[in-house]
Amino acid sequence: MMKVAPTLLAYTDQELTQQFSSLRPYFDQFQVDIQDGKFITNRTVSLHEYLSHFSSFDNKQIKKYLFDFHYQTLSYEEDMETLWRRRENIQIGIHLIHYSLKPDFENLKKMYPDFSFGLVLNPEDSVEQLTINYNLQTVDGVQIMSIHPGPQGTPFMPETLTKIEQLRQIDYRSEIYLDGGINLDTLPVIKKQTHTPNFLCIGSYLTKSSNISVDVQKLNEELSA
């Protein structure tokens, strides 16, 4: 069954506090979105602000959770360096970098041998381009954006789901993430596909919920149906 990794996308400390406090009773894995206002126009709280919030919990408590990091930023290497120094304090999952930034995976793996790295495909990026420029055996995960990157609540683009099929057809066996516009209306469309993602990165459906316990229950029911 597909697993949900809620997206933490906060523009203020108050939003971050609200999002994490409401979601952490129900989930043990999160995707942290970092936007710098340069790679895209939006700007979230910084990595340092995310980490400052997480450090307000005691070490045992915060280590219950796994955090993936989705960089919508030009300075992702600076953030990785920070996380490398803090890797004993929190559980760090995969680092997801946009394909359009052409990250040097070979160098990143040398610098940060304990980290996992994945690529993010925007709606305009193709699987064919990905296979031309990267050896997929070295890519620990692929995240498919089913919206144009930006604020939460952007319309879902069902045509992007064909990329999951294309990746599996070329025998890509690592984890696939789907990010953007996922809710009870779009989830049945995702489930109908021959191949489905391993992870659903769900934002506004959860973070803007007026009754989180009810909406999580509905989500779980739809996933298990």
N, C-alpha and C. Protein backbone atom coordinates (compact mmCIF):
# COMPACT_ATOMS: atom_id res chain seq x y z
N MET A 1 0.84 -1.20 0.00
CA MET A 1 0.00 0.00 0.00
C MET A 1 0.88 1.25 0.00
N MET A 2 0.42 2.27 -0.68
CA MET A 2 1.15 3.53 -0.69
C MET A 2 1.21 4.12 0.71
N LYS A 3 2.35 4.72 1.04
CA LYS A 3 2.53 5.33 2.35
C LYS A 3 2.44 6.84 2.21
N VAL A 4 1.88 7.49 3.22
CA VAL A 4 1.77 8.95 3.21
C VAL A 4 2.93 9.57 3.98
N ALA A 5 3.60 10.52 3.34
CA ALA A 5 4.62 11.34 4.00
C ALA A 5 4.14 12.79 3.90
N PRO A 6 3.46 13.31 4.91
CA PRO A 6 2.91 14.67 4.83
C PRO A 6 4.00 15.70 4.55
N THR A 7 3.62 16.71 3.81
CA THR A 7 4.54 17.79 3.47
C THR A 7 4.45 18.91 4.49
N LEU A 8 5.58 19.24 5.09
CA LEU A 8 5.68 20.43 5.93
C LEU A 8 6.16 21.56 5.04
N LEU A 9 5.29 22.52 4.78
CA LEU A 9 5.62 23.66 3.95
C LEU A 9 5.12 24.89 4.68
N ALA A 10 6.01 25.53 5.41
CA ALA A 10 5.62 26.61 6.32
C ALA A 10 6.28 27.92 5.94
N TYR A 11 5.50 28.98 5.92
CA TYR A 11 6.01 30.31 5.60
C TYR A 11 6.27 31.16 6.84
N THR A 12 5.79 30.66 7.99
CA THR A 12 6.05 31.35 9.26
C THR A 12 6.30 30.30 10.33
N ASP A 13 6.91 30.73 11.43
CA ASP A 13 7.11 29.83 12.57
C ASP A 13 5.77 29.32 13.09
N GLN A 14 4.78 30.19 13.08
CA GLN A 14 3.46 29.80 13.57
C GLN A 14 2.87 28.68 12.71
N GLU A 15 3.01 28.80 11.38
CA GLU A 15 2.53 27.74 10.50
C GLU A 15 3.25 26.43 10.75
N LEU A 16 4.55 26.49 10.94
CA LEU A 16 5.32 25.28 11.19
C LEU A 16 4.86 24.60 12.47
N THR A 17 4.69 25.39 13.53
CA THR A 17 4.23 24.83 14.80
C THR A 17 2.88 24.16 14.64
N GLN A 18 1.97 24.84 13.93
CA GLN A 18 0.62 24.30 13.74
C GLN A 18 0.65 23.01 12.92
N GLN A 19 1.42 23.02 11.83
CA GLN A 19 1.46 21.85 10.95
C GLN A 19 2.03 20.63 11.66
N PHE A 20 3.19 20.80 12.27
CA PHE A 20 3.84 19.65 12.88
C PHE A 20 3.07 19.13 14.09
N SER A 21 2.54 20.02 14.90
CA SER A 21 1.81 19.58 16.08
C SER A 21 0.53 18.84 15.71
N SER A 22 -0.13 19.25 14.63
CA SER A 22 -1.38 18.59 14.24
C SER A 22 -1.14 17.25 13.55
N LEU A 23 0.00 17.11 12.87
CA LEU A 23 0.25 15.90 12.07
C LEU A 23 1.02 14.81 12.79
N ARG A 24 1.87 15.19 13.74
CA ARG A 24 2.75 14.19 14.31
C ARG A 24 2.05 13.09 15.12
N PRO A 25 0.83 13.29 15.63
CA PRO A 25 0.17 12.14 16.27
C PRO A 25 -0.21 11.03 15.29
N TYR A 26 -0.24 11.34 13.98
CA TYR A 26 -0.75 10.39 13.00
C TYR A 26 0.31 9.83 12.05
N PHE A 27 1.47 10.48 11.97
CA PHE A 27 2.47 10.09 10.99
C PHE A 27 3.86 10.04 11.62
N ASP A 28 4.72 9.19 11.04
CA ASP A 28 6.08 9.08 11.55
C ASP A 28 7.13 9.48 10.52
N GLN A 29 6.67 9.87 9.33
CA GLN A 29 7.59 10.32 8.28
C GLN A 29 7.03 11.58 7.64
N PHE A 30 7.91 12.55 7.42
CA PHE A 30 7.50 13.84 6.85
C PHE A 30 8.45 14.25 5.74
N GLN A 31 7.92 15.06 4.83
CA GLN A 31 8.79 15.68 3.83
C GLN A 31 8.84 17.18 4.13
N VAL A 32 10.05 17.68 4.35
CA VAL A 32 10.26 19.09 4.66
C VAL A 32 10.56 19.84 3.37
N ASP A 33 9.71 20.78 3.01
CA ASP A 33 9.91 21.60 1.81
C ASP A 33 10.66 22.87 2.18
N ILE A 34 11.73 23.13 1.44
CA ILE A 34 12.50 24.35 1.65
C ILE A 34 12.50 25.14 0.34
N GLN A 35 11.96 26.35 0.37
CA GLN A 35 11.89 27.22 -0.80
C GLN A 35 12.63 28.51 -0.48
N ASP A 36 13.45 28.97 -1.43
CA ASP A 36 14.34 30.11 -1.14
C ASP A 36 13.91 31.43 -1.79
N GLY A 37 12.81 31.41 -2.55
CA GLY A 37 12.39 32.64 -3.22
C GLY A 37 13.22 32.97 -4.44
N LYS A 38 14.12 32.08 -4.81
CA LYS A 38 14.99 32.29 -5.98
C LYS A 38 14.75 31.20 -7.03
N PHE A 39 14.84 29.95 -6.60
CA PHE A 39 14.55 28.85 -7.52
C PHE A 39 13.09 28.91 -7.95
N ILE A 40 12.21 29.18 -6.99
CA ILE A 40 10.82 29.53 -7.29
C ILE A 40 10.51 30.79 -6.47
N THR A 41 9.37 31.42 -6.75
CA THR A 41 9.11 32.73 -6.14
C THR A 41 8.77 32.64 -4.66
N ASN A 42 8.26 31.51 -4.20
CA ASN A 42 7.88 31.38 -2.80
C ASN A 42 9.10 31.20 -1.91
N ARG A 43 8.95 31.60 -0.66
CA ARG A 43 10.03 31.45 0.32
C ARG A 43 9.45 30.93 1.63
N THR A 44 9.88 29.75 2.02
CA THR A 44 9.44 29.17 3.29
C THR A 44 10.36 29.63 4.41
N VAL A 45 10.05 29.18 5.63
CA VAL A 45 11.03 29.34 6.70
C VAL A 45 12.28 28.59 6.28
N SER A 46 13.41 28.97 6.82
CA SER A 46 14.69 28.37 6.42
C SER A 46 14.89 27.02 7.09
N LEU A 47 15.88 26.28 6.60
CA LEU A 47 16.23 25.02 7.23
C LEU A 47 16.57 25.24 8.70
N HIS A 48 17.29 26.30 9.02
CA HIS A 48 17.66 26.57 10.41
C HIS A 48 16.42 26.74 11.28
N GLU A 49 15.38 27.35 10.73
CA GLU A 49 14.15 27.53 11.50
C GLU A 49 13.42 26.20 11.70
N TYR A 50 13.41 25.36 10.65
CA TYR A 50 12.86 24.01 10.82
C TYR A 50 13.61 23.27 11.92
N LEU A 51 14.94 23.29 11.85
CA LEU A 51 15.74 22.54 12.82
C LEU A 51 15.59 23.11 14.22
N SER A 52 15.46 24.42 14.33
CA SER A 52 15.26 25.04 15.63
C SER A 52 13.96 24.55 16.26
N HIS A 53 12.92 24.43 15.42
CA HIS A 53 11.65 23.92 15.93
C HIS A 53 11.79 22.47 16.39
N PHE A 54 12.45 21.64 15.57
CA PHE A 54 12.59 20.23 15.93
C PHE A 54 13.44 20.06 17.20
N SER A 55 14.39 20.95 17.39
CA SER A 55 15.26 20.85 18.56
C SER A 55 14.55 21.23 19.86
N SER A 56 13.34 21.79 19.74
CA SER A 56 12.58 22.11 20.94
C SER A 56 12.02 20.84 21.61
N PHE A 57 12.07 19.72 20.87
CA PHE A 57 11.67 18.44 21.43
C PHE A 57 12.91 17.74 21.98
N ASP A 58 12.72 16.87 22.97
CA ASP A 58 13.89 16.15 23.46
C ASP A 58 14.34 15.14 22.40
N ASN A 59 15.58 14.71 22.51
CA ASN A 59 16.22 13.89 21.48
C ASN A 59 15.44 12.61 21.21
N LYS A 60 15.00 11.94 22.26
CA LYS A 60 14.27 10.68 22.11
C LYS A 60 12.94 10.90 21.40
N GLN A 61 12.29 12.00 21.70
CA GLN A 61 10.98 12.28 21.13
C GLN A 61 11.08 12.60 19.64
N ILE A 62 12.01 13.46 19.26
CA ILE A 62 12.09 13.85 17.85
C ILE A 62 12.62 12.72 16.98
N LYS A 63 13.38 11.80 17.55
CA LYS A 63 13.92 10.70 16.76
C LYS A 63 12.89 9.62 16.45
N LYS A 64 11.65 9.83 16.89
CA LYS A 64 10.56 8.95 16.47
C LYS A 64 10.21 9.18 15.01
N TYR A 65 10.61 10.34 14.48
CA TYR A 65 10.17 10.76 13.15
C TYR A 65 11.33 10.75 12.16
N LEU A 66 10.99 10.43 10.92
CA LEU A 66 11.95 10.47 9.82
C LEU A 66 11.62 11.67 8.94
N PHE A 67 12.65 12.45 8.59
CA PHE A 67 12.44 13.64 7.78
C PHE A 67 13.17 13.53 6.46
N ASP A 68 12.40 13.57 5.36
CA ASP A 68 12.98 13.74 4.03
C ASP A 68 13.04 15.24 3.75
N PHE A 69 13.97 15.63 2.88
CA PHE A 69 14.13 17.05 2.58
C PHE A 69 14.01 17.28 1.07
N HIS A 70 13.07 18.15 0.72
CA HIS A 70 12.81 18.51 -0.67
C HIS A 70 13.29 19.94 -0.88
N TYR A 71 14.35 20.08 -1.66
CA TYR A 71 14.99 21.38 -1.86
C TYR A 71 14.43 22.06 -3.10
N GLN A 72 13.71 23.15 -2.90
CA GLN A 72 13.31 24.03 -3.99
C GLN A 72 14.12 25.31 -3.82
N THR A 73 15.43 25.12 -3.90
CA THR A 73 16.37 26.17 -3.54
C THR A 73 17.66 26.00 -4.32
N LEU A 74 18.32 27.12 -4.58
CA LEU A 74 19.59 27.09 -5.30
C LEU A 74 20.76 26.72 -4.38
N SER A 75 20.58 26.92 -3.08
CA SER A 75 21.68 26.72 -2.14
C SER A 75 21.53 25.40 -1.36
N TYR A 76 21.05 24.36 -2.05
CA TYR A 76 20.79 23.11 -1.35
C TYR A 76 22.04 22.50 -0.73
N GLU A 77 23.22 22.75 -1.32
CA GLU A 77 24.44 22.17 -0.76
C GLU A 77 24.76 22.77 0.61
N GLU A 78 24.45 24.04 0.81
CA GLU A 78 24.66 24.65 2.13
C GLU A 78 23.76 23.99 3.17
N ASP A 79 22.51 23.71 2.79
CA ASP A 79 21.60 23.06 3.72
C ASP A 79 22.04 21.63 4.01
N MET A 80 22.57 20.95 3.00
CA MET A 80 23.06 19.58 3.23
C MET A 80 24.23 19.57 4.21
N GLU A 81 25.09 20.56 4.08
CA GLU A 81 26.22 20.66 5.00
C GLU A 81 25.72 20.85 6.43
N THR A 82 24.70 21.69 6.59
CA THR A 82 24.11 21.88 7.92
C THR A 82 23.54 20.58 8.45
N LEU A 83 22.81 19.85 7.61
CA LEU A 83 22.21 18.60 8.03
C LEU A 83 23.26 17.53 8.32
N TRP A 84 24.36 17.56 7.60
CA TRP A 84 25.45 16.62 7.85
C TRP A 84 25.98 16.81 9.28
N ARG A 85 26.09 18.07 9.67
CA ARG A 85 26.58 18.36 11.03
C ARG A 85 25.54 18.01 12.10
N ARG A 86 24.28 18.00 11.70
CA ARG A 86 23.21 17.75 12.67
C ARG A 86 22.63 16.34 12.57
N ARG A 87 23.28 15.47 11.81
CA ARG A 87 22.69 14.17 11.51
C ARG A 87 22.52 13.27 12.73
N GLU A 88 23.20 13.57 13.81
CA GLU A 88 23.03 12.77 15.03
C GLU A 88 21.81 13.21 15.82
N ASN A 89 21.26 14.36 15.46
CA ASN A 89 20.15 14.92 16.24
C ASN A 89 18.77 14.53 15.73
N ILE A 90 18.65 14.27 14.42
CA ILE A 90 17.36 13.88 13.85
C ILE A 90 17.58 12.75 12.85
N GLN A 91 16.50 12.02 12.58
CA GLN A 91 16.54 10.98 11.55
C GLN A 91 16.35 11.64 10.18
N ILE A 92 17.33 11.49 9.32
CA ILE A 92 17.29 12.10 8.00
C ILE A 92 17.08 11.02 6.96
N GLY A 93 16.06 11.21 6.12
CA GLY A 93 15.79 10.27 5.04
C GLY A 93 16.49 10.69 3.76
N ILE A 94 15.72 10.84 2.70
CA ILE A 94 16.29 11.15 1.39
C ILE A 94 16.35 12.66 1.17
N HIS A 95 17.35 13.09 0.41
CA HIS A 95 17.49 14.48 -0.02
C HIS A 95 17.03 14.54 -1.48
N LEU A 96 16.01 15.33 -1.75
CA LEU A 96 15.41 15.40 -3.08
C LEU A 96 15.72 16.73 -3.72
N ILE A 97 16.42 16.66 -4.87
CA ILE A 97 16.90 17.85 -5.57
C ILE A 97 16.28 17.89 -6.96
N HIS A 98 15.89 19.06 -7.40
CA HIS A 98 15.24 19.16 -8.70
C HIS A 98 16.23 18.85 -9.83
N TYR A 99 15.74 18.03 -10.76
CA TYR A 99 16.54 17.62 -11.91
C TYR A 99 17.08 18.82 -12.68
N SER A 100 16.30 19.89 -12.78
CA SER A 100 16.71 21.07 -13.55
C SER A 100 17.96 21.73 -12.99
N LEU A 101 18.29 21.46 -11.72
CA LEU A 101 19.51 22.02 -11.11
C LEU A 101 20.75 21.19 -11.42
N LYS A 102 20.56 20.05 -12.08
CA LYS A 102 21.66 19.17 -12.51
C LYS A 102 22.66 18.89 -11.37
N PRO A 103 22.17 18.35 -10.27
CA PRO A 103 23.08 18.06 -9.15
C PRO A 103 24.12 17.01 -9.53
N ASP A 104 25.31 17.15 -8.99
CA ASP A 104 26.40 16.21 -9.22
C ASP A 104 26.32 15.13 -8.14
N PHE A 105 25.63 14.04 -8.45
CA PHE A 105 25.42 13.00 -7.45
C PHE A 105 26.72 12.33 -7.03
N GLU A 106 27.62 12.15 -7.97
CA GLU A 106 28.89 11.50 -7.64
C GLU A 106 29.64 12.29 -6.57
N ASN A 107 29.68 13.59 -6.72
CA ASN A 107 30.36 14.44 -5.74
C ASN A 107 29.61 14.48 -4.42
N LEU A 108 28.28 14.58 -4.49
CA LEU A 108 27.49 14.62 -3.26
C LEU A 108 27.66 13.35 -2.44
N LYS A 109 27.70 12.21 -3.11
CA LYS A 109 27.86 10.95 -2.40
C LYS A 109 29.25 10.83 -1.76
N LYS A 110 30.24 11.45 -2.37
CA LYS A 110 31.57 11.47 -1.77
C LYS A 110 31.60 12.37 -0.54
N MET A 111 30.94 13.50 -0.63
CA MET A 111 30.93 14.46 0.47
C MET A 111 30.09 13.98 1.65
N TYR A 112 28.97 13.32 1.33
CA TYR A 112 28.02 12.91 2.37
C TYR A 112 27.68 11.44 2.19
N PRO A 113 28.60 10.56 2.51
CA PRO A 113 28.42 9.14 2.20
C PRO A 113 27.26 8.47 2.92
N ASP A 114 26.79 9.05 4.01
CA ASP A 114 25.68 8.44 4.75
C ASP A 114 24.31 8.89 4.25
N PHE A 115 24.28 9.82 3.32
CA PHE A 115 23.01 10.37 2.85
C PHE A 115 22.50 9.63 1.61
N SER A 116 21.18 9.68 1.44
CA SER A 116 20.54 9.18 0.22
C SER A 116 20.08 10.39 -0.60
N PHE A 117 20.16 10.24 -1.93
CA PHE A 117 19.84 11.36 -2.82
C PHE A 117 18.86 10.93 -3.90
N GLY A 118 17.90 11.82 -4.17
CA GLY A 118 16.95 11.57 -5.23
C GLY A 118 16.75 12.80 -6.09
N LEU A 119 16.07 12.61 -7.20
CA LEU A 119 15.81 13.69 -8.16
C LEU A 119 14.32 13.98 -8.24
N VAL A 120 14.01 15.24 -8.46
CA VAL A 120 12.62 15.69 -8.57
C VAL A 120 12.36 16.09 -10.02
N LEU A 121 11.31 15.52 -10.59
CA LEU A 121 10.90 15.87 -11.96
C LEU A 121 9.71 16.82 -11.92
N ASN A 122 9.91 18.02 -12.43
CA ASN A 122 8.79 18.95 -12.61
C ASN A 122 7.90 18.48 -13.76
N PRO A 123 6.69 19.01 -13.89
CA PRO A 123 5.81 18.56 -14.97
C PRO A 123 6.45 18.63 -16.35
N GLU A 124 7.32 19.59 -16.58
CA GLU A 124 7.94 19.72 -17.91
C GLU A 124 9.15 18.82 -18.11
N ASP A 125 9.63 18.16 -17.06
CA ASP A 125 10.79 17.27 -17.18
C ASP A 125 10.34 15.87 -17.57
N SER A 126 11.11 15.22 -18.42
CA SER A 126 10.73 13.89 -18.90
C SER A 126 11.63 12.81 -18.32
N VAL A 127 11.10 11.61 -18.26
CA VAL A 127 11.89 10.45 -17.84
C VAL A 127 13.01 10.20 -18.83
N GLU A 128 12.75 10.44 -20.09
CA GLU A 128 13.79 10.26 -21.11
C GLU A 128 14.99 11.15 -20.83
N GLN A 129 14.74 12.43 -20.50
CA GLN A 129 15.83 13.33 -20.16
C GLN A 129 16.61 12.82 -18.95
N LEU A 130 15.88 12.32 -18.00
CA LEU A 130 16.51 11.79 -16.78
C LEU A 130 17.46 10.65 -17.10
N THR A 131 17.02 9.72 -17.93
CA THR A 131 17.85 8.56 -18.24
C THR A 131 19.07 8.93 -19.09
N ILE A 132 18.97 9.99 -19.86
CA ILE A 132 20.10 10.43 -20.67
C ILE A 132 21.20 11.02 -19.80
N ASN A 133 20.81 11.73 -18.76
CA ASN A 133 21.77 12.49 -17.96
C ASN A 133 22.20 11.82 -16.66
N TYR A 134 21.48 10.76 -16.24
CA TYR A 134 21.83 10.10 -14.98
C TYR A 134 21.77 8.58 -15.14
N ASN A 135 22.63 7.91 -14.42
CA ASN A 135 22.54 6.46 -14.26
C ASN A 135 21.53 6.21 -13.15
N LEU A 136 20.38 5.67 -13.50
CA LEU A 136 19.32 5.53 -12.51
C LEU A 136 19.71 4.61 -11.36
N GLN A 137 20.71 3.76 -11.58
CA GLN A 137 21.15 2.88 -10.50
C GLN A 137 21.78 3.69 -9.36
N THR A 138 22.18 4.93 -9.62
CA THR A 138 22.79 5.77 -8.60
C THR A 138 21.79 6.73 -7.96
N VAL A 139 20.53 6.67 -8.39
CA VAL A 139 19.50 7.58 -7.91
C VAL A 139 18.64 6.82 -6.90
N ASP A 140 18.65 7.26 -5.65
CA ASP A 140 17.97 6.53 -4.57
C ASP A 140 16.47 6.71 -4.56
N GLY A 141 15.97 7.69 -5.28
CA GLY A 141 14.54 7.91 -5.35
C GLY A 141 14.23 8.96 -6.40
N VAL A 142 13.03 8.91 -6.94
CA VAL A 142 12.56 9.91 -7.90
C VAL A 142 11.23 10.46 -7.40
N GLN A 143 11.15 11.78 -7.32
CA GLN A 143 9.90 12.43 -6.94
C GLN A 143 9.29 13.08 -8.17
N ILE A 144 8.04 12.75 -8.42
CA ILE A 144 7.32 13.30 -9.56
C ILE A 144 6.38 14.39 -9.05
N MET A 145 6.57 15.58 -9.57
CA MET A 145 5.69 16.69 -9.20
C MET A 145 4.42 16.61 -10.05
N SER A 146 3.29 16.45 -9.37
CA SER A 146 2.01 16.41 -10.08
C SER A 146 1.32 17.77 -10.05
N ILE A 147 2.08 18.79 -9.69
CA ILE A 147 1.68 20.19 -9.81
C ILE A 147 2.92 20.97 -10.24
N HIS A 148 2.74 22.22 -10.63
CA HIS A 148 3.88 23.10 -10.80
C HIS A 148 4.32 23.57 -9.41
N PRO A 149 5.60 23.48 -9.09
CA PRO A 149 6.05 23.84 -7.75
C PRO A 149 5.64 25.25 -7.36
N GLY A 150 5.29 25.38 -6.09
CA GLY A 150 4.84 26.67 -5.59
C GLY A 150 4.02 26.46 -4.33
N PRO A 151 3.03 27.31 -4.09
CA PRO A 151 2.22 27.18 -2.88
C PRO A 151 1.34 25.94 -2.92
N GLN A 152 0.95 25.46 -1.74
CA GLN A 152 0.05 24.32 -1.67
C GLN A 152 -1.32 24.71 -2.21
N GLY A 153 -2.03 23.71 -2.76
CA GLY A 153 -3.36 23.96 -3.28
C GLY A 153 -3.42 24.13 -4.78
N THR A 154 -2.26 23.96 -5.47
CA THR A 154 -2.22 24.07 -6.92
C THR A 154 -2.92 22.85 -7.55
N PRO A 155 -3.62 23.02 -8.70
CA PRO A 155 -4.38 21.90 -9.29
C PRO A 155 -3.50 20.71 -9.69
N PHE A 156 -4.03 19.53 -9.45
CA PHE A 156 -3.39 18.26 -9.78
C PHE A 156 -3.32 18.07 -11.29
N MET A 157 -2.20 17.52 -11.77
CA MET A 157 -1.99 17.29 -13.20
C MET A 157 -1.90 15.78 -13.44
N PRO A 158 -3.01 15.11 -13.80
CA PRO A 158 -3.01 13.64 -13.91
C PRO A 158 -2.06 13.10 -14.96
N GLU A 159 -1.75 13.91 -15.98
CA GLU A 159 -0.86 13.42 -17.04
C GLU A 159 0.55 13.12 -16.54
N THR A 160 0.92 13.68 -15.39
CA THR A 160 2.26 13.42 -14.86
C THR A 160 2.39 11.99 -14.34
N LEU A 161 1.28 11.29 -14.12
CA LEU A 161 1.32 9.94 -13.58
C LEU A 161 1.94 8.95 -14.55
N THR A 162 1.96 9.28 -15.84
CA THR A 162 2.58 8.36 -16.81
C THR A 162 4.07 8.16 -16.54
N LYS A 163 4.67 9.10 -15.83
CA LYS A 163 6.10 8.98 -15.54
C LYS A 163 6.38 7.82 -14.58
N ILE A 164 5.43 7.51 -13.72
CA ILE A 164 5.61 6.35 -12.85
C ILE A 164 5.68 5.08 -13.69
N GLU A 165 4.76 4.95 -14.63
CA GLU A 165 4.75 3.81 -15.54
C GLU A 165 6.05 3.73 -16.33
N GLN A 166 6.50 4.86 -16.84
CA GLN A 166 7.74 4.88 -17.63
C GLN A 166 8.95 4.45 -16.80
N LEU A 167 9.02 4.90 -15.57
CA LEU A 167 10.13 4.51 -14.70
C LEU A 167 10.12 3.01 -14.43
N ARG A 168 8.97 2.46 -14.14
CA ARG A 168 8.89 1.03 -13.86
C ARG A 168 9.15 0.20 -15.11
N GLN A 169 8.76 0.72 -16.27
CA GLN A 169 9.00 -0.01 -17.53
C GLN A 169 10.49 -0.13 -17.84
N ILE A 170 11.29 0.83 -17.38
CA ILE A 170 12.74 0.74 -17.60
C ILE A 170 13.43 0.13 -16.38
N ASP A 171 12.62 -0.55 -15.56
CA ASP A 171 13.12 -1.34 -14.43
C ASP A 171 13.74 -0.49 -13.33
N TYR A 172 13.20 0.69 -13.12
CA TYR A 172 13.63 1.48 -11.98
C TYR A 172 12.95 0.93 -10.74
N ARG A 173 13.74 0.47 -9.78
CA ARG A 173 13.18 -0.25 -8.64
C ARG A 173 13.25 0.50 -7.31
N SER A 174 13.87 1.65 -7.32
CA SER A 174 13.93 2.42 -6.08
C SER A 174 12.60 3.15 -5.86
N GLU A 175 12.54 3.89 -4.77
CA GLU A 175 11.26 4.47 -4.37
C GLU A 175 10.85 5.65 -5.23
N ILE A 176 9.56 5.71 -5.51
CA ILE A 176 8.98 6.81 -6.27
C ILE A 176 8.03 7.58 -5.35
N TYR A 177 8.19 8.90 -5.36
CA TYR A 177 7.37 9.80 -4.56
C TYR A 177 6.49 10.61 -5.50
N LEU A 178 5.27 10.89 -5.08
CA LEU A 178 4.37 11.75 -5.85
C LEU A 178 4.01 12.93 -4.96
N ASP A 179 4.15 14.13 -5.50
CA ASP A 179 3.98 15.34 -4.70
C ASP A 179 3.11 16.35 -5.43
N GLY A 180 1.98 16.72 -4.80
CA GLY A 180 1.21 17.83 -5.33
C GLY A 180 -0.23 17.52 -5.65
N GLY A 181 -1.15 18.23 -5.02
CA GLY A 181 -2.57 18.14 -5.37
C GLY A 181 -3.23 16.83 -5.01
N ILE A 182 -2.69 16.11 -4.05
CA ILE A 182 -3.24 14.80 -3.69
C ILE A 182 -4.28 14.99 -2.59
N ASN A 183 -5.49 14.47 -2.86
CA ASN A 183 -6.59 14.56 -1.90
C ASN A 183 -7.59 13.44 -2.20
N LEU A 184 -8.73 13.47 -1.57
CA LEU A 184 -9.70 12.38 -1.77
C LEU A 184 -10.28 12.36 -3.17
N ASP A 185 -10.23 13.48 -3.88
CA ASP A 185 -10.72 13.52 -5.26
C ASP A 185 -9.71 12.96 -6.24
N THR A 186 -8.44 13.24 -6.01
CA THR A 186 -7.40 12.80 -6.96
C THR A 186 -6.82 11.43 -6.63
N LEU A 187 -6.98 10.98 -5.39
CA LEU A 187 -6.42 9.69 -5.01
C LEU A 187 -6.98 8.52 -5.83
N PRO A 188 -8.30 8.48 -6.14
CA PRO A 188 -8.79 7.38 -6.98
C PRO A 188 -8.14 7.34 -8.36
N VAL A 189 -7.80 8.51 -8.90
CA VAL A 189 -7.10 8.55 -10.20
C VAL A 189 -5.72 7.92 -10.07
N ILE A 190 -5.04 8.19 -8.99
CA ILE A 190 -3.71 7.62 -8.76
C ILE A 190 -3.81 6.10 -8.60
N LYS A 191 -4.80 5.65 -7.85
CA LYS A 191 -4.95 4.22 -7.57
C LYS A 191 -5.28 3.41 -8.82
N LYS A 192 -5.87 4.04 -9.84
CA LYS A 192 -6.25 3.33 -11.06
C LYS A 192 -5.06 2.99 -11.95
N GLN A 193 -3.91 3.62 -11.69
CA GLN A 193 -2.76 3.42 -12.54
C GLN A 193 -2.19 2.01 -12.38
N THR A 194 -1.56 1.51 -13.43
CA THR A 194 -0.94 0.19 -13.36
C THR A 194 0.14 0.15 -12.29
N HIS A 195 0.92 1.22 -12.20
CA HIS A 195 1.94 1.35 -11.17
C HIS A 195 1.65 2.59 -10.35
N THR A 196 1.75 2.45 -9.06
CA THR A 196 1.49 3.57 -8.16
C THR A 196 2.77 3.95 -7.42
N PRO A 197 2.85 5.16 -6.91
CA PRO A 197 4.06 5.57 -6.19
C PRO A 197 4.18 4.86 -4.85
N ASN A 198 5.40 4.82 -4.32
CA ASN A 198 5.61 4.28 -2.98
C ASN A 198 5.14 5.24 -1.91
N PHE A 199 5.33 6.55 -2.18
CA PHE A 199 5.00 7.57 -1.19
C PHE A 199 4.12 8.66 -1.80
N LEU A 200 3.13 9.07 -1.03
CA LEU A 200 2.29 10.20 -1.39
C LEU A 200 2.67 11.36 -0.47
N CYS A 201 3.15 12.44 -1.05
CA CYS A 201 3.54 13.63 -0.27
C CYS A 201 2.36 14.59 -0.29
N ILE A 202 1.60 14.58 0.79
CA ILE A 202 0.32 15.29 0.84
C ILE A 202 0.46 16.55 1.67
N GLY A 203 0.05 17.66 1.08
CA GLY A 203 0.18 18.94 1.75
C GLY A 203 -1.13 19.50 2.26
N SER A 204 -1.79 20.34 1.46
CA SER A 204 -2.90 21.15 1.96
C SER A 204 -4.09 20.32 2.43
N TYR A 205 -4.31 19.14 1.86
CA TYR A 205 -5.41 18.31 2.34
C TYR A 205 -5.28 18.07 3.85
N LEU A 206 -4.03 17.91 4.31
CA LEU A 206 -3.78 17.67 5.73
C LEU A 206 -3.49 18.95 6.50
N THR A 207 -2.64 19.81 5.95
CA THR A 207 -2.21 20.98 6.73
C THR A 207 -3.30 22.03 6.87
N LYS A 208 -4.30 22.00 5.97
CA LYS A 208 -5.40 22.96 6.05
C LYS A 208 -6.70 22.32 6.53
N SER A 209 -6.57 21.13 7.08
CA SER A 209 -7.74 20.41 7.56
C SER A 209 -8.34 21.11 8.77
N SER A 210 -9.67 21.14 8.82
CA SER A 210 -10.36 21.69 9.99
C SER A 210 -10.66 20.61 11.02
N ASN A 211 -10.52 19.35 10.62
CA ASN A 211 -10.71 18.22 11.54
C ASN A 211 -9.74 17.13 11.14
N ILE A 212 -8.53 17.21 11.64
CA ILE A 212 -7.45 16.35 11.15
C ILE A 212 -7.72 14.88 11.42
N SER A 213 -8.30 14.52 12.56
CA SER A 213 -8.53 13.11 12.85
C SER A 213 -9.52 12.49 11.86
N VAL A 214 -10.56 13.24 11.52
CA VAL A 214 -11.54 12.74 10.55
C VAL A 214 -10.92 12.63 9.16
N ASP A 215 -10.15 13.63 8.76
CA ASP A 215 -9.57 13.62 7.41
C ASP A 215 -8.48 12.56 7.27
N VAL A 216 -7.72 12.30 8.32
CA VAL A 216 -6.74 11.21 8.28
C VAL A 216 -7.45 9.87 8.16
N GLN A 217 -8.55 9.71 8.89
CA GLN A 217 -9.32 8.48 8.81
C GLN A 217 -9.87 8.26 7.40
N LYS A 218 -10.41 9.31 6.79
CA LYS A 218 -10.93 9.20 5.42
C LYS A 218 -9.82 8.84 4.45
N LEU A 219 -8.65 9.44 4.65
CA LEU A 219 -7.51 9.15 3.79
C LEU A 219 -7.11 7.70 3.91
N ASN A 220 -7.00 7.20 5.13
CA ASN A 220 -6.62 5.80 5.34
C ASN A 220 -7.64 4.83 4.77
N GLU A 221 -8.90 5.19 4.89
CA GLU A 221 -9.96 4.33 4.32
C GLU A 221 -9.86 4.26 2.81
N GLU A 222 -9.59 5.41 2.17
CA GLU A 222 -9.45 5.44 0.71
C GLU A 222 -8.20 4.67 0.27
N LEU A 223 -7.14 4.77 1.02
CA LEU A 223 -5.90 4.05 0.68
C LEU A 223 -6.06 2.55 0.79
N SER A 224 -6.83 2.11 1.76
CA SER A 224 -6.99 0.67 1.99
C SER A 224 -8.14 0.05 1.21
N ALA A 225 -8.95 0.89 0.56
CA ALA A 225 -10.14 0.36 -0.17
C ALA A 225 -9.72 -0.42 -1.40
